[in-house]
């Protein structure tokens, strides 16, 4: 097994959750004030960004992501944003509030919708050839439903 990347160590490491909208808004303000050098990985796609977004593109992403998250989660609490450092984050996971899995844990691994990071967002699994073990539940569901 290859050594974990710095991104991977953070990705699977201990993160702190933002439980209220006030902290989420403070994070968004911080990000808008520091828009340079952010890689954004969209886990709804298989592509891995080669370079950080431009500041303008990052700010546009933040606007669109925040609108999406507010539309999908109208509760008073937050609970879908996790980061490594509350004061100066280098990795942020943003989950789709409606696709965060279940409390029983029987839904398999839940990926974030997006990661925002200061380093190229590559996981060891991204470097491995696709096999039954790396395709997991998606392969099983595709066979079940003829996809």
N, C-alpha and C. Protein backbone atom coordinates (compact mmCIF):
# COMPACT_ATOMS: atom_id res chain seq x y z
N UNK A 1 0.84 -1.18 0.00
CA UNK A 1 0.00 0.00 0.00
C UNK A 1 0.88 1.24 0.00
N UNK A 2 0.57 2.19 -0.85
CA UNK A 2 1.36 3.41 -0.95
C UNK A 2 1.10 4.30 0.27
N UNK A 3 2.07 5.16 0.55
CA UNK A 3 1.92 6.08 1.66
C UNK A 3 0.82 7.09 1.35
N UNK A 4 0.11 7.49 2.38
CA UNK A 4 -0.99 8.44 2.20
C UNK A 4 -0.44 9.80 1.77
N UNK A 5 -1.17 10.47 0.90
CA UNK A 5 -0.81 11.82 0.51
C UNK A 5 -1.13 12.76 1.67
N UNK A 6 -0.58 13.95 1.64
CA UNK A 6 -0.91 14.95 2.67
C UNK A 6 -2.40 15.24 2.66
N UNK A 7 -2.95 15.33 1.45
CA UNK A 7 -4.39 15.55 1.33
C UNK A 7 -5.15 14.41 1.98
N UNK A 8 -4.74 13.19 1.69
CA UNK A 8 -5.42 12.02 2.21
C UNK A 8 -5.35 11.96 3.74
N UNK A 9 -4.20 12.31 4.29
CA UNK A 9 -4.06 12.33 5.75
C UNK A 9 -5.07 13.30 6.36
N UNK A 10 -5.22 14.47 5.76
CA UNK A 10 -6.22 15.42 6.25
C UNK A 10 -7.64 14.93 5.99
N UNK A 11 -7.88 14.39 4.79
CA UNK A 11 -9.21 13.94 4.39
C UNK A 11 -9.76 12.90 5.36
N UNK A 12 -8.92 11.94 5.76
CA UNK A 12 -9.36 10.89 6.67
C UNK A 12 -9.04 11.19 8.13
N UNK A 13 -8.43 12.33 8.38
CA UNK A 13 -8.08 12.71 9.75
C UNK A 13 -9.25 13.28 10.52
N UNK A 14 -8.94 13.75 11.70
CA UNK A 14 -9.95 14.31 12.58
C UNK A 14 -10.30 15.73 12.13
N UNK A 15 -11.56 15.97 11.90
CA UNK A 15 -12.04 17.29 11.49
C UNK A 15 -13.05 17.81 12.50
N UNK A 16 -13.24 19.11 12.48
CA UNK A 16 -14.20 19.76 13.38
C UNK A 16 -15.43 20.16 12.59
N UNK A 17 -16.59 19.90 13.15
CA UNK A 17 -17.84 20.22 12.46
C UNK A 17 -18.37 21.58 12.84
N UNK A 18 -18.98 22.23 11.87
CA UNK A 18 -19.67 23.50 12.12
C UNK A 18 -21.13 23.18 12.37
N UNK A 19 -21.57 23.41 13.58
CA UNK A 19 -22.91 22.98 13.96
C UNK A 19 -23.96 24.07 13.83
N UNK A 20 -23.55 25.31 13.63
CA UNK A 20 -24.56 26.35 13.49
C UNK A 20 -24.23 27.25 12.30
N UNK A 21 -25.26 27.91 11.81
CA UNK A 21 -25.13 28.76 10.63
C UNK A 21 -24.19 29.93 10.87
N UNK A 22 -24.12 30.43 12.10
CA UNK A 22 -23.23 31.55 12.40
C UNK A 22 -21.77 31.17 12.12
N UNK A 23 -21.37 29.98 12.51
CA UNK A 23 -19.99 29.53 12.24
C UNK A 23 -19.78 29.28 10.75
N UNK A 24 -20.80 28.74 10.09
CA UNK A 24 -20.70 28.52 8.65
C UNK A 24 -20.53 29.87 7.93
N UNK A 25 -21.30 30.87 8.33
CA UNK A 25 -21.18 32.19 7.72
C UNK A 25 -19.81 32.81 7.98
N UNK A 26 -19.25 32.57 9.17
CA UNK A 26 -17.90 33.06 9.47
C UNK A 26 -16.88 32.36 8.57
N UNK A 27 -17.06 31.07 8.33
CA UNK A 27 -16.17 30.34 7.42
C UNK A 27 -16.27 30.92 6.01
N UNK A 28 -17.49 31.16 5.54
CA UNK A 28 -17.67 31.72 4.20
C UNK A 28 -17.01 33.11 4.10
N UNK A 29 -17.12 33.91 5.14
CA UNK A 29 -16.48 35.23 5.15
C UNK A 29 -14.96 35.08 5.09
N UNK A 30 -14.42 34.14 5.86
CA UNK A 30 -12.98 33.88 5.82
C UNK A 30 -12.54 33.47 4.42
N UNK A 31 -13.26 32.53 3.81
CA UNK A 31 -12.91 32.06 2.47
C UNK A 31 -13.00 33.18 1.44
N UNK A 32 -14.03 34.00 1.55
CA UNK A 32 -14.17 35.12 0.60
C UNK A 32 -13.04 36.13 0.77
N UNK A 33 -12.51 36.23 1.97
CA UNK A 33 -11.38 37.12 2.23
C UNK A 33 -10.03 36.52 1.85
N UNK A 34 -9.99 35.21 1.59
CA UNK A 34 -8.76 34.49 1.23
C UNK A 34 -9.04 33.56 0.04
N UNK A 35 -9.42 34.10 -1.12
CA UNK A 35 -9.88 33.26 -2.22
C UNK A 35 -8.77 32.63 -3.09
N UNK A 36 -7.53 32.96 -2.83
CA UNK A 36 -6.45 32.45 -3.68
C UNK A 36 -5.96 31.09 -3.19
N UNK A 37 -5.63 30.21 -4.16
CA UNK A 37 -4.95 28.97 -3.85
C UNK A 37 -5.82 27.80 -3.41
N UNK A 38 -7.10 27.83 -3.69
CA UNK A 38 -8.00 26.76 -3.27
C UNK A 38 -8.30 25.80 -4.41
N UNK A 39 -8.04 24.52 -4.17
CA UNK A 39 -8.49 23.45 -5.05
C UNK A 39 -9.91 23.11 -4.63
N UNK A 40 -10.80 22.92 -5.58
CA UNK A 40 -12.16 22.48 -5.27
C UNK A 40 -12.39 21.18 -6.02
N UNK A 41 -12.67 20.14 -5.25
CA UNK A 41 -12.97 18.83 -5.86
C UNK A 41 -14.45 18.56 -5.67
N UNK A 42 -15.12 18.27 -6.77
CA UNK A 42 -16.54 17.93 -6.76
C UNK A 42 -16.64 16.41 -6.83
N UNK A 43 -17.08 15.79 -5.75
CA UNK A 43 -17.15 14.33 -5.70
C UNK A 43 -18.33 13.77 -6.47
N UNK A 44 -19.18 14.64 -7.05
CA UNK A 44 -20.24 14.12 -7.91
C UNK A 44 -19.68 13.82 -9.30
N UNK A 45 -18.41 14.14 -9.52
CA UNK A 45 -17.72 13.87 -10.77
C UNK A 45 -16.44 13.11 -10.45
N UNK A 46 -15.87 12.44 -11.42
CA UNK A 46 -14.65 11.68 -11.17
C UNK A 46 -13.39 12.48 -11.46
N UNK A 47 -13.54 13.72 -11.91
CA UNK A 47 -12.36 14.51 -12.26
C UNK A 47 -11.69 15.08 -11.02
N UNK A 48 -10.36 15.20 -11.12
CA UNK A 48 -9.55 15.76 -10.05
C UNK A 48 -8.91 17.03 -10.61
N UNK A 49 -9.09 18.16 -9.93
CA UNK A 49 -8.52 19.40 -10.46
C UNK A 49 -7.00 19.37 -10.48
N UNK A 50 -6.42 19.91 -11.54
CA UNK A 50 -4.97 19.97 -11.68
C UNK A 50 -4.38 21.22 -11.02
N UNK A 51 -5.20 22.24 -10.85
CA UNK A 51 -4.71 23.50 -10.31
C UNK A 51 -5.79 24.13 -9.44
N UNK A 52 -5.38 25.03 -8.56
CA UNK A 52 -6.39 25.76 -7.78
C UNK A 52 -7.26 26.61 -8.70
N UNK A 53 -8.46 26.92 -8.24
CA UNK A 53 -9.33 27.84 -8.98
C UNK A 53 -8.75 29.25 -8.91
N UNK A 54 -9.05 30.04 -9.90
CA UNK A 54 -8.70 31.46 -9.82
C UNK A 54 -9.55 32.06 -8.69
N UNK A 55 -9.12 33.19 -8.17
CA UNK A 55 -9.88 33.83 -7.09
C UNK A 55 -11.31 34.12 -7.53
N UNK A 56 -11.49 34.60 -8.76
CA UNK A 56 -12.84 34.91 -9.25
C UNK A 56 -13.69 33.66 -9.35
N UNK A 57 -13.12 32.58 -9.87
CA UNK A 57 -13.87 31.32 -9.99
C UNK A 57 -14.19 30.74 -8.62
N UNK A 58 -13.26 30.89 -7.66
CA UNK A 58 -13.50 30.38 -6.31
C UNK A 58 -14.64 31.15 -5.66
N UNK A 59 -14.65 32.46 -5.81
CA UNK A 59 -15.73 33.27 -5.24
C UNK A 59 -17.08 32.90 -5.86
N UNK A 60 -17.09 32.65 -7.15
CA UNK A 60 -18.33 32.21 -7.81
C UNK A 60 -18.75 30.85 -7.27
N UNK A 61 -17.80 29.93 -7.10
CA UNK A 61 -18.10 28.62 -6.53
C UNK A 61 -18.73 28.79 -5.15
N UNK A 62 -18.14 29.64 -4.30
CA UNK A 62 -18.67 29.84 -2.95
C UNK A 62 -20.12 30.32 -2.99
N UNK A 63 -20.41 31.25 -3.86
CA UNK A 63 -21.79 31.75 -3.99
C UNK A 63 -22.75 30.63 -4.37
N UNK A 64 -22.35 29.84 -5.36
CA UNK A 64 -23.21 28.75 -5.84
C UNK A 64 -23.34 27.64 -4.80
N UNK A 65 -22.24 27.28 -4.15
CA UNK A 65 -22.27 26.23 -3.13
C UNK A 65 -23.13 26.65 -1.94
N UNK A 66 -22.97 27.89 -1.50
CA UNK A 66 -23.76 28.36 -0.36
C UNK A 66 -25.24 28.38 -0.70
N UNK A 67 -25.60 28.83 -1.90
CA UNK A 67 -27.01 28.83 -2.31
C UNK A 67 -27.54 27.39 -2.33
N UNK A 68 -26.76 26.46 -2.87
CA UNK A 68 -27.15 25.06 -2.91
C UNK A 68 -27.38 24.51 -1.50
N UNK A 69 -26.44 24.76 -0.60
CA UNK A 69 -26.53 24.23 0.77
C UNK A 69 -27.70 24.84 1.53
N UNK A 70 -27.93 26.12 1.36
CA UNK A 70 -29.07 26.76 2.04
C UNK A 70 -30.41 26.24 1.51
N UNK A 71 -30.47 25.96 0.23
CA UNK A 71 -31.69 25.42 -0.35
C UNK A 71 -31.94 23.99 0.14
N UNK A 72 -30.87 23.21 0.26
CA UNK A 72 -31.00 21.79 0.64
C UNK A 72 -31.13 21.58 2.14
N UNK A 73 -30.78 22.60 2.95
CA UNK A 73 -30.80 22.42 4.40
C UNK A 73 -31.40 23.67 5.05
N UNK A 74 -32.67 23.59 5.34
CA UNK A 74 -33.39 24.75 5.89
C UNK A 74 -33.57 24.66 7.40
N UNK A 75 -32.78 23.83 8.02
CA UNK A 75 -32.85 23.68 9.48
C UNK A 75 -32.10 24.83 10.15
N UNK A 76 -32.30 24.97 11.47
CA UNK A 76 -31.61 26.01 12.22
C UNK A 76 -30.16 25.64 12.51
N UNK A 77 -29.84 24.36 12.49
CA UNK A 77 -28.47 23.90 12.72
C UNK A 77 -27.79 23.67 11.38
N UNK A 78 -26.49 23.55 11.40
CA UNK A 78 -25.72 23.37 10.17
C UNK A 78 -25.37 21.88 10.03
N UNK A 79 -24.18 21.45 10.46
CA UNK A 79 -23.86 20.03 10.51
C UNK A 79 -23.40 19.38 9.22
N UNK A 80 -23.14 20.12 8.15
CA UNK A 80 -22.71 19.52 6.89
C UNK A 80 -21.33 20.02 6.46
N UNK A 81 -20.68 20.85 7.29
CA UNK A 81 -19.36 21.39 6.97
C UNK A 81 -18.36 20.95 8.04
N UNK A 82 -17.21 20.44 7.59
CA UNK A 82 -16.17 19.96 8.49
C UNK A 82 -14.82 20.49 8.01
N UNK A 83 -13.97 20.90 8.96
CA UNK A 83 -12.69 21.46 8.58
C UNK A 83 -11.59 21.09 9.57
N UNK A 84 -10.35 21.22 9.12
CA UNK A 84 -9.22 20.81 9.95
C UNK A 84 -8.83 21.86 10.97
N UNK A 85 -9.04 23.12 10.69
CA UNK A 85 -8.62 24.20 11.59
C UNK A 85 -9.65 25.31 11.52
N UNK A 86 -10.20 25.67 12.66
CA UNK A 86 -11.27 26.68 12.68
C UNK A 86 -10.77 28.07 12.31
N UNK A 87 -9.51 28.37 12.59
CA UNK A 87 -8.99 29.71 12.34
C UNK A 87 -8.37 29.89 10.96
N UNK A 88 -7.68 28.85 10.46
CA UNK A 88 -7.02 28.93 9.16
C UNK A 88 -7.09 27.55 8.49
N UNK A 89 -8.26 27.21 7.97
CA UNK A 89 -8.42 25.86 7.40
C UNK A 89 -7.58 25.64 6.15
N UNK A 90 -7.15 24.38 5.98
CA UNK A 90 -6.48 23.99 4.74
C UNK A 90 -7.26 22.87 4.05
N UNK A 91 -8.24 22.30 4.76
CA UNK A 91 -9.14 21.31 4.17
C UNK A 91 -10.54 21.51 4.74
N UNK A 92 -11.50 21.57 3.84
CA UNK A 92 -12.91 21.72 4.23
C UNK A 92 -13.70 20.69 3.45
N UNK A 93 -14.54 19.94 4.15
CA UNK A 93 -15.46 19.01 3.50
C UNK A 93 -16.86 19.60 3.61
N UNK A 94 -17.53 19.72 2.49
CA UNK A 94 -18.92 20.16 2.46
C UNK A 94 -19.76 19.01 1.94
N UNK A 95 -20.69 18.56 2.75
CA UNK A 95 -21.56 17.45 2.39
C UNK A 95 -22.90 17.96 1.88
N UNK A 96 -23.51 17.20 0.98
CA UNK A 96 -24.88 17.48 0.57
C UNK A 96 -25.75 17.09 1.77
N UNK A 97 -26.47 18.04 2.37
CA UNK A 97 -27.26 17.73 3.56
C UNK A 97 -28.26 16.59 3.37
N UNK A 98 -28.69 16.35 2.16
CA UNK A 98 -29.67 15.29 1.91
C UNK A 98 -29.02 13.97 1.55
N UNK A 99 -27.69 13.91 1.53
CA UNK A 99 -27.00 12.68 1.16
C UNK A 99 -25.86 12.39 2.14
N UNK A 100 -26.14 12.57 3.41
CA UNK A 100 -25.10 12.37 4.41
C UNK A 100 -25.15 10.97 5.04
N UNK A 101 -25.97 10.09 4.53
CA UNK A 101 -26.02 8.74 5.08
C UNK A 101 -27.03 8.63 6.19
N UNK A 102 -26.93 7.53 6.91
CA UNK A 102 -27.87 7.28 7.99
C UNK A 102 -27.13 7.05 9.29
N UNK A 103 -27.84 7.22 10.38
CA UNK A 103 -27.24 7.05 11.70
C UNK A 103 -26.79 5.61 11.95
N UNK A 104 -27.42 4.63 11.28
CA UNK A 104 -27.05 3.24 11.52
C UNK A 104 -25.77 2.84 10.79
N UNK A 105 -25.33 3.67 9.86
CA UNK A 105 -24.09 3.39 9.14
C UNK A 105 -24.20 2.30 8.10
N UNK A 106 -25.40 1.91 7.73
CA UNK A 106 -25.57 0.81 6.79
C UNK A 106 -25.58 1.27 5.34
N UNK A 107 -25.37 2.56 5.09
CA UNK A 107 -25.41 3.07 3.73
C UNK A 107 -24.07 3.09 3.03
N UNK A 108 -23.01 2.56 3.66
CA UNK A 108 -21.69 2.59 3.05
C UNK A 108 -20.99 3.91 3.33
N UNK A 109 -19.82 4.08 2.73
CA UNK A 109 -19.04 5.29 2.93
C UNK A 109 -19.74 6.47 2.26
N UNK A 110 -19.82 7.57 2.98
CA UNK A 110 -20.44 8.78 2.46
C UNK A 110 -19.33 9.75 2.07
N UNK A 111 -19.29 10.13 0.82
CA UNK A 111 -18.30 11.09 0.35
C UNK A 111 -18.87 12.49 0.49
N UNK A 112 -18.01 13.47 0.72
CA UNK A 112 -18.50 14.84 0.70
C UNK A 112 -18.94 15.22 -0.71
N UNK A 113 -19.75 16.23 -0.83
CA UNK A 113 -20.09 16.74 -2.15
C UNK A 113 -18.87 17.46 -2.73
N UNK A 114 -18.23 18.29 -1.87
CA UNK A 114 -17.05 19.02 -2.30
C UNK A 114 -15.98 18.97 -1.21
N UNK A 115 -14.74 19.05 -1.64
CA UNK A 115 -13.66 19.39 -0.71
C UNK A 115 -13.01 20.66 -1.24
N UNK A 116 -12.64 21.51 -0.32
CA UNK A 116 -11.87 22.70 -0.61
C UNK A 116 -10.55 22.50 0.10
N UNK A 117 -9.45 22.58 -0.63
CA UNK A 117 -8.16 22.30 0.00
C UNK A 117 -7.07 23.17 -0.58
N UNK A 118 -6.02 23.30 0.19
CA UNK A 118 -4.85 24.06 -0.23
C UNK A 118 -3.85 23.18 -0.98
N UNK A 119 -4.17 21.90 -1.13
CA UNK A 119 -3.29 20.97 -1.85
C UNK A 119 -4.11 20.17 -2.84
N UNK A 120 -3.44 19.60 -3.82
CA UNK A 120 -4.13 18.82 -4.85
C UNK A 120 -4.92 17.69 -4.17
N UNK A 121 -6.21 17.60 -4.44
CA UNK A 121 -7.08 16.66 -3.73
C UNK A 121 -7.08 15.24 -4.32
N UNK A 122 -5.98 14.53 -4.08
CA UNK A 122 -5.83 13.17 -4.61
C UNK A 122 -5.81 12.18 -3.46
N UNK A 123 -6.62 11.14 -3.60
CA UNK A 123 -6.66 10.04 -2.64
C UNK A 123 -5.96 8.83 -3.25
N UNK A 124 -5.46 7.95 -2.42
CA UNK A 124 -4.80 6.74 -2.91
C UNK A 124 -5.72 5.96 -3.85
N UNK A 125 -7.00 5.91 -3.54
CA UNK A 125 -7.97 5.18 -4.38
C UNK A 125 -8.05 5.78 -5.78
N UNK A 126 -7.77 7.07 -5.92
CA UNK A 126 -7.79 7.71 -7.24
C UNK A 126 -6.66 7.18 -8.12
N UNK A 127 -5.58 6.73 -7.50
CA UNK A 127 -4.40 6.29 -8.23
C UNK A 127 -4.45 4.81 -8.59
N UNK A 128 -5.35 4.07 -7.93
CA UNK A 128 -5.45 2.62 -8.16
C UNK A 128 -6.34 2.34 -9.36
N UNK A 129 -6.05 1.26 -10.11
CA UNK A 129 -6.95 0.89 -11.20
C UNK A 129 -8.31 0.49 -10.65
N UNK A 130 -9.36 0.79 -11.40
CA UNK A 130 -10.72 0.46 -10.96
C UNK A 130 -10.89 -1.05 -10.93
N UNK A 131 -11.32 -1.55 -9.79
CA UNK A 131 -11.61 -2.97 -9.62
C UNK A 131 -12.93 -3.09 -8.90
N UNK A 132 -13.39 -4.30 -8.75
CA UNK A 132 -14.65 -4.51 -8.03
C UNK A 132 -14.56 -3.91 -6.64
N UNK A 133 -13.40 -4.05 -5.97
CA UNK A 133 -13.29 -3.54 -4.60
C UNK A 133 -13.28 -2.02 -4.56
N UNK A 134 -12.80 -1.34 -5.63
CA UNK A 134 -12.79 0.12 -5.60
C UNK A 134 -14.07 0.71 -6.15
N UNK A 135 -14.84 -0.04 -6.92
CA UNK A 135 -16.12 0.48 -7.40
C UNK A 135 -17.21 0.25 -6.39
N UNK A 136 -17.05 -0.75 -5.54
CA UNK A 136 -17.93 -0.97 -4.39
C UNK A 136 -19.40 -1.06 -4.73
N UNK A 137 -20.20 -0.32 -3.97
CA UNK A 137 -21.65 -0.40 -4.06
C UNK A 137 -22.16 0.03 -5.43
N UNK A 138 -21.50 1.00 -6.06
CA UNK A 138 -21.98 1.45 -7.37
C UNK A 138 -21.99 0.30 -8.37
N UNK A 139 -20.93 -0.54 -8.35
CA UNK A 139 -20.88 -1.69 -9.25
C UNK A 139 -21.99 -2.68 -8.94
N UNK A 140 -22.24 -2.91 -7.67
CA UNK A 140 -23.28 -3.83 -7.25
C UNK A 140 -24.65 -3.32 -7.69
N UNK A 141 -24.89 -2.02 -7.49
CA UNK A 141 -26.18 -1.45 -7.87
C UNK A 141 -26.36 -1.46 -9.38
N UNK A 142 -25.28 -1.19 -10.11
CA UNK A 142 -25.37 -1.21 -11.57
C UNK A 142 -25.73 -2.60 -12.07
N UNK A 143 -25.14 -3.63 -11.47
CA UNK A 143 -25.46 -5.00 -11.90
C UNK A 143 -26.91 -5.33 -11.54
N UNK A 144 -27.35 -4.89 -10.36
CA UNK A 144 -28.70 -5.18 -9.91
C UNK A 144 -29.74 -4.55 -10.83
N UNK A 145 -29.49 -3.30 -11.23
CA UNK A 145 -30.47 -2.57 -12.04
C UNK A 145 -30.12 -2.52 -13.52
N UNK A 146 -29.17 -3.34 -13.91
CA UNK A 146 -28.81 -3.45 -15.33
C UNK A 146 -28.11 -2.24 -15.90
N UNK A 147 -27.40 -1.46 -15.05
CA UNK A 147 -26.75 -0.24 -15.52
C UNK A 147 -25.35 -0.42 -15.97
